[in-house]
């Protein structure tokens, strides 16, 4: 699965491409930092304009909007180009995997489901890694960039409701809330990876019988197909049940987190110690840090699928190595 990073043929793409993606992601995070600063300045100007008539000129107000438009335009352009390059990068990863399996096909052809591993699972693995990998990279870099900003902004937040004075309170609220949610969701969804793996096994057995039935009237008899489909139905219903309570916990947590920063800021807001622009700036920084820390929570369903694909490909490669060793032994 990781020949892409160990085969010299792919070093230009695996190492050079990774570096390009890192640079582009960091650049996007820096633009987001500038946008966060813009939010503070813009909402302060907005508050001033609404409080004191004509205190902000039309030209000054429009200049704020023009600044945002420039930042947003650069952000959108870099996102589009980065996504395009990342798609090519992950397809090269898939190609490296496919070529390895093609070279081993004499050992692979006797393994049940080999064609599905080589075609379908390499495609799934590449697509999942593209989405999860890019999001993980963004989360890490966003955390690196915004945590110091939130730490600095939190100096003005001197009190938490029901708790009292806590230095740099918003940083600790973000960390505790995000890690608590991650542990909670991981505990609730611990059975999902195994269920996804079982689904793929049941689906593979059902599909194989139907494919064999295309070439032989002795296969895919109605009762056999019905029994296989019964297994498919049973495991899917099991998955639906487990996702029912998992999603209930997940969405309750995510929706509840929307008001957490405002609860934490409540004593400072009602005391009038900060401006509207500062509230927007710190809430946005809090959201960036919190969302980065919630990477596992937000990505768990996709991670479940990745674990399933990884297990199937890992088993497939172990069988390849075993078959190759057996053939080498027979030649001796």
Protein backbone atom coordinates (compact mmCIF):
# COMPACT_ATOMS: atom_id res chain seq x y z
CA UNK A 1 0.00 0.00 0.00
CA UNK A 2 2.88 2.37 0.68
CA UNK A 3 5.19 1.48 -2.21
CA UNK A 4 4.47 5.00 -3.45
CA UNK A 5 6.82 6.33 -0.76
CA UNK A 6 9.49 3.61 -0.94
CA UNK A 7 9.88 3.05 -4.70
CA UNK A 8 12.44 5.42 -6.26
CA UNK A 9 10.32 5.59 -9.41
CA UNK A 10 7.70 7.58 -7.49
CA UNK A 11 9.94 9.82 -5.36
CA UNK A 12 9.30 12.91 -7.52
CA UNK A 13 5.57 12.59 -6.91
CA UNK A 14 5.53 11.12 -3.40
CA UNK A 15 8.12 13.43 -1.82
CA UNK A 16 7.99 16.41 -4.16
CA UNK A 17 4.21 16.29 -4.38
CA UNK A 18 3.86 16.04 -0.61
CA UNK A 19 6.07 19.10 -0.20
CA UNK A 20 3.97 21.05 -2.71
CA UNK A 21 0.77 20.14 -0.87
CA UNK A 22 2.32 21.13 2.46
CA UNK A 23 3.35 24.55 1.13
CA UNK A 24 -0.04 25.18 -0.48
CA UNK A 25 -1.90 24.15 2.68
CA UNK A 26 0.23 26.39 4.87
CA UNK A 27 -0.37 29.29 2.47
CA UNK A 28 -4.13 28.74 2.72
CA UNK A 29 -3.95 28.70 6.51
CA UNK A 30 -2.04 32.00 6.48
CA UNK A 31 -4.75 33.57 4.31
CA UNK A 32 -7.31 32.30 6.80
CA UNK A 33 -5.32 33.99 9.58
CA UNK A 34 -5.50 37.27 7.64
CA UNK A 35 -9.25 36.81 7.15
CA UNK A 36 -9.62 36.26 10.89
CA UNK A 37 -7.82 39.55 11.52
CA UNK A 38 -10.09 41.20 8.95
CA UNK A 39 -13.19 39.99 10.83
CA UNK A 40 -12.05 41.79 13.96
CA UNK A 41 -11.36 45.07 12.17
CA UNK A 42 -14.51 44.92 10.01
CA UNK A 43 -16.94 44.23 12.84
CA UNK A 44 -15.36 46.93 14.99
CA UNK A 45 -15.91 49.37 12.11
CA UNK A 46 -19.45 48.03 11.70
CA UNK A 47 -20.19 48.55 15.38
CA UNK A 48 -18.75 52.04 15.22
CA UNK A 49 -20.79 52.91 12.13
CA UNK A 50 -24.03 51.67 13.69
CA UNK A 51 -23.36 53.39 17.01
CA UNK A 52 -22.16 56.79 15.77
CA UNK A 53 -23.73 57.91 12.46
CA UNK A 54 -21.23 58.97 9.77
CA UNK A 55 -18.25 57.93 11.90
CA UNK A 56 -17.18 55.56 9.12
CA UNK A 57 -17.05 56.86 5.56
CA UNK A 58 -18.50 54.97 2.61
CA UNK A 59 -15.04 54.65 1.06
CA UNK A 60 -13.64 53.20 4.27
CA UNK A 61 -16.48 50.72 4.59
CA UNK A 62 -16.14 49.59 0.96
CA UNK A 63 -12.38 49.25 1.38
CA UNK A 64 -12.97 46.57 4.01
CA UNK A 65 -15.16 44.65 1.56
CA UNK A 66 -12.57 45.03 -1.19
CA UNK A 67 -9.85 43.67 1.10
CA UNK A 68 -11.97 40.63 1.90
CA UNK A 69 -12.72 40.08 -1.80
CA UNK A 70 -8.99 40.04 -2.61
CA UNK A 71 -8.22 37.56 0.17
CA UNK A 72 -11.16 35.36 -0.78
CA UNK A 73 -10.20 35.37 -4.48
CA UNK A 74 -6.64 34.23 -3.71
CA UNK A 75 -7.96 31.61 -1.29
CA UNK A 76 -10.40 30.17 -3.85
CA UNK A 77 -7.75 30.08 -6.59
CA UNK A 78 -5.22 28.27 -4.40
CA UNK A 79 -7.87 25.80 -3.18
CA UNK A 80 -8.86 24.94 -6.76
CA UNK A 81 -5.25 24.42 -7.90
CA UNK A 82 -4.32 22.48 -4.75
CA UNK A 83 -7.31 20.15 -5.08
CA UNK A 84 -6.44 19.57 -8.75
CA UNK A 85 -2.82 18.73 -7.91
CA UNK A 86 -3.83 16.55 -4.94
CA UNK A 87 -6.14 14.50 -7.18
CA UNK A 88 -3.22 13.77 -9.51
CA UNK A 89 -0.97 13.02 -6.55
CA UNK A 90 -3.36 10.45 -5.07
CA UNK A 91 -3.95 8.83 -8.47
CA UNK A 92 -0.19 8.31 -8.76
CA UNK A 93 -0.36 6.64 -5.35
CA UNK A 94 -3.09 4.36 -6.64
CA UNK A 95 -1.02 3.65 -9.77
CA UNK A 96 1.98 2.64 -7.65
CA UNK A 97 -0.24 0.18 -5.76
CA UNK A 98 -1.83 -1.14 -8.95
CA UNK A 99 1.53 -1.69 -10.67
CA UNK A 100 2.78 -3.65 -7.68
CA UNK A 101 -0.30 -5.87 -7.76
CA UNK A 102 -0.04 -6.26 -11.56
CA UNK A 103 3.53 -7.53 -11.19
CA UNK A 104 2.33 -10.02 -8.59
CA UNK A 105 -0.75 -11.12 -10.52
CA UNK A 106 0.48 -14.72 -10.96
CA UNK A 107 0.42 -15.01 -7.18
CA UNK A 108 -2.75 -12.94 -6.86
CA UNK A 109 -5.04 -14.63 -9.38
CA UNK A 110 -5.67 -17.59 -7.08
CA UNK A 111 -6.76 -15.34 -4.18
CA UNK A 112 -10.50 -14.92 -3.79
CA UNK A 113 -11.59 -11.39 -4.63
CA UNK A 114 -8.19 -10.44 -6.09
CA UNK A 115 -9.69 -8.42 -8.94
CA UNK A 116 -11.82 -6.44 -6.47
CA UNK A 117 -8.77 -5.69 -4.31
CA UNK A 118 -6.74 -4.47 -7.28
CA UNK A 119 -9.45 -2.41 -8.97
CA UNK A 120 -12.03 -1.34 -6.40
CA UNK A 121 -10.08 -1.18 -3.15
CA UNK A 122 -7.10 0.69 -4.64
CA UNK A 123 -9.59 3.25 -5.99
CA UNK A 124 -11.32 3.55 -2.61
CA UNK A 125 -8.02 3.76 -0.75
CA UNK A 126 -6.75 6.56 -2.99
CA UNK A 127 -9.96 8.59 -2.77
CA UNK A 128 -10.26 8.20 0.99
CA UNK A 129 -6.61 9.10 1.55
CA UNK A 130 -7.06 12.15 -0.68
CA UNK A 131 -9.93 13.46 1.45
CA UNK A 132 -8.73 12.36 4.87
CA UNK A 133 -5.08 13.21 4.27
CA UNK A 134 -5.80 16.70 2.98
CA UNK A 135 -8.18 17.39 5.87
CA UNK A 136 -5.69 16.06 8.43
CA UNK A 137 -2.98 18.30 6.98
CA UNK A 138 -5.27 21.33 7.11
CA UNK A 139 -6.28 20.52 10.67
CA UNK A 140 -2.69 20.25 11.89
CA UNK A 141 -1.57 23.46 10.20
CA UNK A 142 -4.68 25.33 11.28
CA UNK A 143 -4.01 24.22 14.85
CA UNK A 144 -0.41 25.42 14.61
CA UNK A 145 -1.46 28.80 13.22
CA UNK A 146 -4.57 29.56 15.27
CA UNK A 147 -3.69 28.21 18.71
CA UNK A 148 -1.19 31.06 19.39
CA UNK A 149 -3.77 33.55 18.10
CA UNK A 150 -6.46 32.16 20.40
CA UNK A 151 -3.94 32.11 23.27
CA UNK A 152 -3.17 35.79 22.74
CA UNK A 153 -6.82 36.81 22.33
CA UNK A 154 -7.75 34.84 25.46
CA UNK A 155 -5.72 37.23 27.60
CA UNK A 156 -8.75 39.52 27.65
CA UNK A 157 -11.06 36.73 28.83
CA UNK A 158 -10.58 36.78 32.57
CA UNK A 159 -13.54 34.73 33.79
CA UNK A 160 -15.58 31.65 32.88
CA UNK A 161 -19.17 31.19 34.03
CA UNK A 162 -19.56 28.94 37.12
CA UNK A 163 -15.78 28.45 37.27
CA UNK A 164 -14.26 31.87 37.76
CA UNK A 165 -10.89 33.16 36.68
CA UNK A 166 -8.88 30.97 34.29
CA UNK A 167 -5.86 32.24 32.38
CA UNK A 168 -6.20 31.85 28.59
CA UNK A 169 -9.58 30.30 29.22
CA UNK A 170 -10.75 29.94 25.60
CA UNK A 171 -7.80 27.73 24.69
CA UNK A 172 -8.54 25.33 27.52
CA UNK A 173 -12.27 25.30 26.72
CA UNK A 174 -11.51 24.40 23.09
CA UNK A 175 -9.08 21.62 24.03
CA UNK A 176 -11.27 20.06 26.73
CA UNK A 177 -14.47 20.27 24.65
CA UNK A 178 -12.85 18.84 21.51
CA UNK A 179 -10.94 16.03 23.23
CA UNK A 180 -13.98 15.15 25.33
CA UNK A 181 -16.11 14.93 22.20
CA UNK A 182 -13.48 12.84 20.41
CA UNK A 183 -13.27 10.33 23.25
CA UNK A 184 -17.07 10.20 23.49
CA UNK A 185 -17.58 9.63 19.75
CA UNK A 186 -14.75 7.11 19.50
CA UNK A 187 -16.30 5.12 22.35
CA UNK A 188 -19.78 5.24 20.83
CA UNK A 189 -18.54 4.31 17.34
CA UNK A 190 -16.00 1.66 18.31
CA UNK A 191 -17.97 -1.16 16.63
CA UNK A 192 -18.37 0.57 13.28
CA UNK A 193 -15.01 -0.41 11.67
CA UNK A 194 -15.68 -4.11 12.26
CA UNK A 195 -19.20 -3.82 10.88
CA UNK A 196 -17.97 -2.06 7.73
CA UNK A 197 -15.42 -4.83 7.22
CA UNK A 198 -18.13 -7.50 7.59
CA UNK A 199 -20.33 -5.62 5.09
CA UNK A 200 -17.61 -5.79 2.46
CA UNK A 201 -17.16 -9.53 3.06
CA UNK A 202 -20.88 -10.23 2.71
CA UNK A 203 -21.16 -8.02 -0.37
CA UNK A 204 -18.13 -9.72 -1.95
CA UNK A 205 -19.60 -13.21 -1.46
CA UNK A 206 -22.95 -12.07 -2.91
CA UNK A 207 -21.30 -10.38 -5.90
CA UNK A 208 -19.02 -13.35 -6.60
CA UNK A 209 -21.96 -15.76 -6.81
CA UNK A 210 -23.79 -13.47 -9.22
CA UNK A 211 -20.67 -13.14 -11.42
CA UNK A 212 -20.20 -16.93 -11.50
CA UNK A 213 -23.87 -17.25 -12.40
CA UNK A 214 -23.24 -15.27 -15.57
CA UNK A 215 -21.02 -18.07 -16.90
CA UNK A 216 -22.66 -21.14 -15.41
CA UNK A 217 -26.29 -22.07 -14.96
CA UNK A 218 -25.22 -24.27 -12.05
CA UNK A 219 -24.31 -21.20 -10.01
CA UNK A 220 -26.42 -18.37 -8.57
CA UNK A 221 -29.40 -20.61 -7.88
CA UNK A 222 -32.36 -18.65 -6.42
CA UNK A 223 -32.04 -20.13 -2.93
CA UNK A 224 -28.26 -19.60 -2.79
CA UNK A 225 -28.58 -16.00 -3.92
CA UNK A 226 -31.45 -15.44 -1.49
CA UNK A 227 -29.35 -16.77 1.41
CA UNK A 228 -26.38 -14.61 0.44
CA UNK A 229 -28.57 -11.56 0.10
CA UNK A 230 -30.05 -12.34 3.50
CA UNK A 231 -26.56 -12.01 4.96
CA UNK A 232 -26.12 -8.70 3.15
CA UNK A 233 -29.43 -7.41 4.48
CA UNK A 234 -28.69 -8.51 8.04
CA UNK A 235 -25.30 -6.80 8.26
CA UNK A 236 -26.63 -3.60 6.67
CA UNK A 237 -29.50 -3.45 9.14
CA UNK A 238 -26.96 -3.93 11.92
CA UNK A 239 -24.94 -1.00 10.58
CA UNK A 240 -28.05 1.22 10.37
CA UNK A 241 -28.81 0.54 14.03
CA UNK A 242 -25.30 1.36 15.22
CA UNK A 243 -25.18 4.53 13.12
CA UNK A 244 -28.55 5.54 14.59
CA UNK A 245 -27.19 6.11 18.09
CA UNK A 246 -23.76 7.18 16.79
CA UNK A 247 -25.30 9.99 14.71
CA UNK A 248 -27.57 10.99 17.59
CA UNK A 249 -24.54 11.52 19.82
CA UNK A 250 -22.44 13.08 17.05
CA UNK A 251 -24.94 15.71 15.92
CA UNK A 252 -26.03 16.53 19.46
CA UNK A 253 -22.40 17.18 20.34
CA UNK A 254 -21.63 19.25 17.22
CA UNK A 255 -24.75 21.39 17.54
CA UNK A 256 -24.12 21.92 21.24
CA UNK A 257 -20.60 23.10 20.50
CA UNK A 258 -21.97 26.04 18.48
CA UNK A 259 -22.92 27.92 21.64
CA UNK A 260 -19.95 26.85 23.80
CA UNK A 261 -17.71 29.84 22.92
CA UNK A 262 -20.56 32.27 23.62
CA UNK A 263 -21.20 30.61 26.98
CA UNK A 264 -17.50 30.90 27.81
CA UNK A 265 -17.50 34.56 26.75
CA UNK A 266 -20.75 35.40 28.53
CA UNK A 267 -19.30 37.16 31.64
CA UNK A 268 -16.91 39.21 29.48
CA UNK A 269 -19.62 40.12 26.94
CA UNK A 270 -22.18 41.26 29.51
CA UNK A 271 -19.55 43.33 31.28
CA UNK A 272 -18.97 45.25 28.04
CA UNK A 273 -15.22 44.70 28.25
CA UNK A 274 -14.81 43.70 24.59
CA UNK A 275 -16.06 44.92 21.21
CA UNK A 276 -18.17 43.16 18.60
CA UNK A 277 -15.12 42.82 16.36
CA UNK A 278 -13.16 41.13 19.13
CA UNK A 279 -16.05 38.71 19.76
CA UNK A 280 -16.14 37.76 16.08
CA UNK A 281 -12.38 37.38 15.95
CA UNK A 282 -12.06 35.20 19.05
CA UNK A 283 -15.11 33.07 18.22
CA UNK A 284 -13.72 32.42 14.74
CA UNK A 285 -10.27 31.55 16.13
CA UNK A 286 -11.93 29.32 18.72
CA UNK A 287 -13.89 27.59 15.95
CA UNK A 288 -10.73 26.96 13.93
CA UNK A 289 -8.89 25.43 16.89
CA UNK A 290 -11.90 23.43 18.01
CA UNK A 291 -12.66 22.10 14.51
CA UNK A 292 -9.02 21.06 14.03
CA UNK A 293 -9.10 19.17 17.32
CA UNK A 294 -12.38 17.56 16.25
CA UNK A 295 -10.78 15.95 13.18
CA UNK A 296 -11.53 12.41 14.37
CA UNK A 297 -15.09 13.30 15.36
CA UNK A 298 -15.95 14.84 12.01
CA UNK A 299 -14.11 12.23 9.93
CA UNK A 300 -15.08 9.09 11.84
CA UNK A 301 -17.45 7.56 9.21
CA UNK A 302 -14.77 7.96 6.53
CA UNK A 303 -12.09 6.64 8.89
CA UNK A 304 -14.28 3.59 9.45
CA UNK A 305 -14.31 2.92 5.71
CA UNK A 306 -10.54 3.49 5.48
CA UNK A 307 -9.90 0.96 8.26
CA UNK A 308 -12.03 -1.57 6.40
CA UNK A 309 -10.20 -0.99 3.08
CA UNK A 310 -6.82 -1.10 4.84
CA UNK A 311 -7.65 -4.42 6.49
CA UNK A 312 -8.71 -5.96 3.16
CA UNK A 313 -5.61 -4.73 1.30
CA UNK A 314 -3.33 -5.75 4.17
CA UNK A 315 -4.76 -9.27 4.14
CA UNK A 316 -4.43 -9.35 0.34
CA UNK A 317 -0.75 -8.35 0.47
CA UNK A 318 -0.02 -10.95 3.15
CA UNK A 319 -1.59 -13.61 0.91
CA UNK A 320 0.53 -12.34 -1.99
CA UNK A 321 3.70 -12.69 0.07
CA UNK A 322 2.67 -16.17 1.22
CA UNK A 323 1.92 -17.35 -2.33
CA UNK A 324 5.18 -15.86 -3.58
CA UNK A 325 7.12 -17.64 -0.83
CA UNK A 326 5.39 -20.94 -1.63
CA UNK A 327 6.25 -20.63 -5.34
CA UNK A 328 9.86 -19.85 -4.53
CA UNK A 329 10.00 -22.89 -2.25
CA UNK A 330 8.52 -25.15 -4.97
CA UNK A 331 11.19 -24.03 -7.43
CA UNK A 332 13.88 -25.12 -4.98
